[in-house]
Amino acid sequence: MVAALHRSYHLSHMSTSIARLAALLVLLCLATACDDVDSPAPESPRSDGPSTNCSNEEQLSTDESARRGELRGDVTGDGEADGVFIAVDDRAESGCRALLFVTSGDRTIAASLDFGDTDLGLGLPALEGIKQVDGDGGGDLVVNMAAGASTLFAGVFIFADGGLEQIRIEGSQPPVENLFAHGGGVAQLSAADCGGDGAVLVSTAMSDGRRYRVDRYTYEFEDGVLARDSAKDERQTLRAQSLPRSFPEFAGPPFSSCPDA
């Protein structure tokens, strides 16, 4: 009986001491602002998931034998050169046979270049260059994606919202939707280039055997879409030797007058 009372006394005394210690710690915590108000917020975890819905994206990103050309330039706009390449897997499902990749630091971003009717022959799709087309952020990727008898058709991809997006052209229709024609033969030439104040020029030149009739259309970015400004349409007829001087977009590759990345 005495031992039980003695043990009860000690337990009661210990509980009281613990309660007093807990109260003291609470008071100290309030006095020293230990409620983590000033503690830095934890960084959000970085997503390393796939950029496309293609099951072969990871495999193609590391398979050097599947690559078609490589370029380097600042695509993400951070001032550092990024790696750019295309990888092709002609055995993959439709929509995943050709992917465009950008490697920036330890991150890899991808976009599909396979739109169902894409012809993977003739070395297409193929990188044409890295140019500042939209006048914003890093360099934009010019990719030849289709071919006619003597004309190539290029898409332009920009880095936006952490991914790659193709520039859209208002009013363009399949099978060359959102593509820029360039090159051609003696009878007809096509060209695309940068104009002033962030505009994009799209031009065609038709030959009658002696002269070329040139039609130049000016497109401007509106909410991320290239829209034609018909008030700036131009039409001229001139001799072949005057063509590259009067319309320099015909003198070189597409977007060659745009700033480099």
Protein backbone atom coordinates (compact mmCIF):
# COMPACT_ATOMS: atom_id res chain seq x y z
CA MET A 1 0.00 0.00 0.00
CA VAL A 2 2.79 2.44 0.96
CA ALA A 3 4.76 1.46 -2.16
CA ALA A 4 1.74 2.06 -4.35
CA LEU A 5 1.18 5.50 -2.86
CA HIS A 6 4.88 6.30 -3.26
CA ARG A 7 4.79 5.29 -6.93
CA SER A 8 1.58 7.28 -7.50
CA TYR A 9 3.20 10.36 -5.94
CA HIS A 10 6.21 10.12 -8.25
CA LEU A 11 4.05 9.65 -11.37
CA SER A 12 1.94 12.64 -10.41
CA HIS A 13 5.01 14.72 -9.77
CA MET A 14 6.52 13.67 -13.13
CA SER A 15 3.32 14.53 -15.04
CA THR A 16 3.24 17.95 -13.42
CA SER A 17 6.87 18.56 -14.38
CA ILE A 18 6.25 17.49 -17.97
CA ALA A 19 3.22 19.76 -18.22
CA ARG A 20 5.25 22.71 -16.87
CA LEU A 21 8.08 21.95 -19.31
CA ALA A 22 5.64 21.79 -22.24
CA ALA A 23 4.11 25.12 -21.22
CA LEU A 24 7.60 26.65 -20.99
CA LEU A 25 8.48 25.39 -24.46
CA VAL A 26 5.29 26.90 -25.90
CA LEU A 27 6.15 30.27 -24.34
CA LEU A 28 9.71 30.10 -25.70
CA CYS A 29 8.39 29.18 -29.13
CA LEU A 30 6.05 32.19 -29.15
CA ALA A 31 8.87 34.48 -28.01
CA THR A 32 11.29 33.34 -30.70
CA ALA A 33 8.76 33.06 -33.58
CA CYS A 34 9.45 29.38 -34.08
CA ASP A 35 6.18 28.86 -35.93
CA ASP A 36 8.14 28.74 -39.25
CA VAL A 37 6.48 31.89 -40.58
CA ASP A 38 9.83 33.09 -41.91
CA SER A 39 10.99 29.67 -43.12
CA PRO A 40 11.38 29.45 -46.90
CA ALA A 41 8.63 27.56 -48.67
CA PRO A 42 9.73 24.22 -50.09
CA GLU A 43 10.38 24.19 -53.82
CA SER A 44 7.74 22.58 -55.96
CA PRO A 45 8.94 19.24 -57.28
CA ARG A 46 10.08 19.48 -60.89
CA SER A 47 8.16 17.32 -63.30
CA ASP A 48 10.32 14.98 -65.36
CA GLY A 49 7.37 13.32 -67.09
CA PRO A 50 7.09 12.91 -70.85
CA SER A 51 6.26 15.92 -73.02
CA THR A 52 4.25 13.85 -75.50
CA ASN A 53 1.87 10.90 -75.25
CA CYS A 54 4.38 8.70 -77.06
CA SER A 55 5.61 5.60 -75.25
CA ASN A 56 8.88 5.73 -77.20
CA GLU A 57 9.78 9.30 -76.17
CA GLU A 58 12.33 8.33 -73.52
CA GLN A 59 13.95 5.72 -75.75
CA LEU A 60 14.24 8.12 -78.70
CA SER A 61 15.68 10.86 -76.48
CA THR A 62 18.76 8.71 -75.81
CA ASP A 63 19.07 6.68 -79.03
CA GLU A 64 21.74 8.51 -81.02
CA SER A 65 21.33 6.14 -83.97
CA ALA A 66 17.78 7.46 -84.49
CA ARG A 67 18.81 11.11 -84.73
CA ARG A 68 18.55 13.26 -87.84
CA GLY A 69 20.82 16.24 -87.46
CA GLU A 70 21.67 18.30 -84.39
CA LEU A 71 21.87 22.03 -83.72
CA ARG A 72 22.75 24.19 -80.71
CA GLY A 73 21.23 27.53 -79.70
CA ASP A 74 19.39 29.26 -76.88
CA VAL A 75 15.83 28.00 -77.27
CA THR A 76 14.56 28.41 -73.70
CA GLY A 77 15.73 32.03 -73.37
CA ASP A 78 18.00 31.49 -70.35
CA GLY A 79 21.14 32.65 -72.14
CA GLU A 80 22.60 29.13 -72.39
CA ALA A 81 22.94 27.04 -75.54
CA ASP A 82 20.48 24.13 -75.73
CA GLY A 83 20.82 20.96 -77.77
CA VAL A 84 18.24 20.40 -80.52
CA PHE A 85 17.71 17.22 -82.52
CA ILE A 86 15.09 15.12 -84.32
CA ALA A 87 14.74 11.39 -83.68
CA VAL A 88 12.86 9.04 -85.98
CA ASP A 89 11.33 5.60 -85.35
CA ASP A 90 9.46 4.54 -88.48
CA ARG A 91 8.11 1.43 -86.70
CA ALA A 92 6.32 3.45 -84.03
CA GLU A 93 2.61 4.16 -83.97
CA SER A 94 1.24 7.05 -86.01
CA GLY A 95 1.91 10.34 -84.28
CA CYS A 96 5.09 9.07 -82.61
CA ARG A 97 7.37 8.23 -85.56
CA ALA A 98 9.27 11.52 -85.46
CA LEU A 99 9.90 13.67 -82.37
CA LEU A 100 11.63 17.01 -81.95
CA PHE A 101 13.80 17.27 -78.83
CA VAL A 102 15.36 20.17 -76.92
CA THR A 103 17.80 19.45 -74.10
CA SER A 104 18.25 22.29 -71.63
CA GLY A 105 20.48 21.51 -68.66
CA ASP A 106 19.21 18.24 -67.19
CA ARG A 107 15.78 18.62 -68.76
CA THR A 108 14.57 17.24 -72.09
CA ILE A 109 11.48 18.62 -73.89
CA ALA A 110 9.81 16.96 -76.87
CA ALA A 111 7.12 17.60 -79.49
CA SER A 112 5.71 15.34 -82.18
CA LEU A 113 6.49 16.05 -85.83
CA ASP A 114 4.34 13.16 -87.03
CA PHE A 115 0.88 14.22 -88.14
CA GLY A 116 -0.43 10.99 -89.61
CA ASP A 117 0.26 11.78 -93.27
CA THR A 118 3.86 12.84 -92.61
CA ASP A 119 6.22 11.28 -95.17
CA LEU A 120 9.42 10.16 -93.46
CA GLY A 121 11.17 9.73 -96.79
CA LEU A 122 13.64 12.16 -98.42
CA GLY A 123 15.26 12.79 -95.04
CA LEU A 124 12.24 14.58 -93.62
CA PRO A 125 11.52 15.95 -91.11
CA ALA A 126 14.80 17.86 -90.91
CA LEU A 127 16.16 20.81 -88.94
CA GLU A 128 16.57 23.96 -91.02
CA GLY A 129 17.80 26.37 -88.34
CA ILE A 130 17.25 28.26 -85.09
CA LYS A 131 16.00 31.80 -85.63
CA GLN A 132 14.18 34.47 -83.63
CA VAL A 133 10.89 34.48 -85.56
CA ASP A 134 8.28 35.58 -83.03
CA GLY A 135 10.46 38.29 -81.46
CA ASP A 136 10.07 36.90 -77.95
CA GLY A 137 12.14 34.70 -75.64
CA GLY A 138 14.69 32.30 -77.06
CA GLY A 139 15.29 31.12 -80.59
CA ASP A 140 12.59 29.35 -82.59
CA LEU A 141 13.09 26.05 -84.38
CA VAL A 142 12.59 25.95 -88.14
CA VAL A 143 11.87 22.38 -89.24
CA ASN A 144 11.31 21.15 -92.80
CA MET A 145 8.34 18.81 -92.51
CA ALA A 146 7.01 18.16 -96.02
CA ALA A 147 8.08 18.43 -99.65
CA GLY A 148 6.46 19.00 -103.01
CA ALA A 149 8.01 18.55 -106.43
CA SER A 150 10.57 21.26 -105.76
CA THR A 151 9.18 23.09 -102.75
CA LEU A 152 9.81 22.45 -99.06
CA PHE A 153 7.37 23.24 -96.27
CA ALA A 154 8.66 24.25 -92.86
CA GLY A 155 7.02 24.50 -89.47
CA VAL A 156 8.27 26.84 -86.74
CA PHE A 157 8.31 25.70 -83.12
CA ILE A 158 8.61 28.03 -80.13
CA PHE A 159 9.34 27.39 -76.46
CA ALA A 160 6.31 28.48 -74.41
CA ASP A 161 4.85 27.49 -71.03
CA GLY A 162 7.61 24.96 -70.49
CA GLY A 163 7.02 23.09 -73.75
CA LEU A 164 7.31 23.29 -77.54
CA GLU A 165 4.44 24.68 -79.59
CA GLN A 166 4.10 25.08 -83.34
CA ILE A 167 3.33 28.57 -84.62
CA ARG A 168 -0.16 28.66 -86.05
CA ILE A 169 -1.06 30.54 -89.25
CA GLU A 170 -4.54 31.95 -89.50
CA GLY A 171 -6.41 30.63 -92.52
CA SER A 172 -3.91 27.90 -93.45
CA GLN A 173 -5.39 24.59 -94.54
CA PRO A 174 -4.26 20.94 -94.76
CA PRO A 175 -2.14 19.37 -96.11
CA VAL A 176 0.22 22.30 -95.44
CA GLU A 177 -1.57 23.72 -92.40
CA ASN A 178 0.71 25.97 -90.32
CA LEU A 179 3.62 25.39 -92.72
CA PHE A 180 5.72 27.93 -94.65
CA ALA A 181 6.57 27.13 -98.29
CA HIS A 182 10.09 27.90 -99.52
CA GLY A 183 12.20 27.11 -102.55
CA GLY A 184 10.67 25.96 -105.82
CA GLY A 185 11.63 25.87 -109.48
CA VAL A 186 11.94 28.31 -112.35
CA ALA A 187 8.19 28.61 -112.84
CA GLN A 188 7.27 29.29 -109.23
CA LEU A 189 9.20 30.32 -106.13
CA SER A 190 8.10 30.55 -102.49
CA ALA A 191 9.73 32.26 -99.52
CA ALA A 192 9.20 33.18 -95.86
CA ASP A 193 11.19 35.63 -93.78
CA CYS A 194 11.06 38.21 -91.01
CA GLY A 195 9.84 41.71 -91.76
CA GLY A 196 9.96 44.84 -89.67
CA ASP A 197 8.37 45.23 -86.23
CA GLY A 198 8.08 41.48 -85.63
CA ALA A 199 6.11 40.76 -88.81
CA VAL A 200 6.50 37.63 -90.94
CA LEU A 201 6.60 37.86 -94.73
CA VAL A 202 5.17 35.11 -96.93
CA SER A 203 5.86 35.53 -100.64
CA THR A 204 5.35 33.77 -103.97
CA ALA A 205 6.83 34.55 -107.38
CA MET A 206 5.20 33.26 -110.61
CA SER A 207 7.07 33.37 -113.91
CA ASP A 208 5.53 34.10 -117.30
CA GLY A 209 8.79 33.24 -119.04
CA ARG A 210 10.25 36.73 -118.96
CA ARG A 211 9.19 38.30 -115.68
CA TYR A 212 8.04 37.30 -112.23
CA ARG A 213 4.82 38.42 -110.63
CA VAL A 214 5.50 38.65 -106.91
CA ASP A 215 2.83 38.57 -104.22
CA ARG A 216 4.01 39.37 -100.70
CA TYR A 217 1.75 38.99 -97.67
CA THR A 218 2.49 40.36 -94.22
CA TYR A 219 1.50 38.43 -91.11
CA GLU A 220 1.60 39.70 -87.55
CA PHE A 221 1.29 37.90 -84.24
CA GLU A 222 -2.07 38.22 -82.52
CA ASP A 223 -2.44 36.19 -79.32
CA GLY A 224 0.23 33.80 -80.52
CA VAL A 225 -1.32 33.27 -83.97
CA LEU A 226 0.00 34.73 -87.22
CA ALA A 227 -2.78 36.78 -88.80
CA ARG A 228 -2.57 38.37 -92.26
CA ASP A 229 -2.69 42.15 -92.49
CA SER A 230 -4.23 42.56 -95.94
CA ALA A 231 -3.61 46.31 -95.86
CA LYS A 232 0.10 45.54 -96.30
CA ASP A 233 -0.27 43.16 -99.27
CA GLU A 234 2.19 43.89 -102.09
CA ARG A 235 2.26 42.90 -105.75
CA GLN A 236 4.97 43.68 -108.27
CA THR A 237 6.13 42.41 -111.67
CA LEU A 238 9.86 42.48 -112.30
CA ARG A 239 12.72 40.77 -114.09
CA ALA A 240 14.33 37.67 -112.57
CA GLN A 241 17.64 39.43 -111.84
CA SER A 242 15.82 42.04 -109.78
CA LEU A 243 13.98 39.50 -107.63
CA PRO A 244 16.50 38.88 -104.81
CA ARG A 245 17.35 42.58 -104.57
CA SER A 246 13.76 43.78 -104.36
CA PHE A 247 12.50 40.80 -102.34
CA PRO A 248 15.44 39.46 -100.30
CA GLU A 249 13.37 36.64 -98.81
CA PHE A 250 13.98 34.77 -102.10
CA ALA A 251 17.75 35.05 -101.73
CA GLY A 252 18.30 32.45 -99.01
CA PRO A 253 16.84 29.81 -96.71
CA PRO A 254 13.57 30.50 -94.87
CA PHE A 255 13.77 33.16 -92.15
CA SER A 256 17.40 33.87 -92.99
CA SER A 257 16.95 37.60 -92.20
CA CYS A 258 15.63 36.85 -88.71
CA PRO A 259 18.03 37.33 -85.78
CA ASP A 260 20.06 34.30 -84.76
CA ALA A 261 19.32 32.57 -81.46
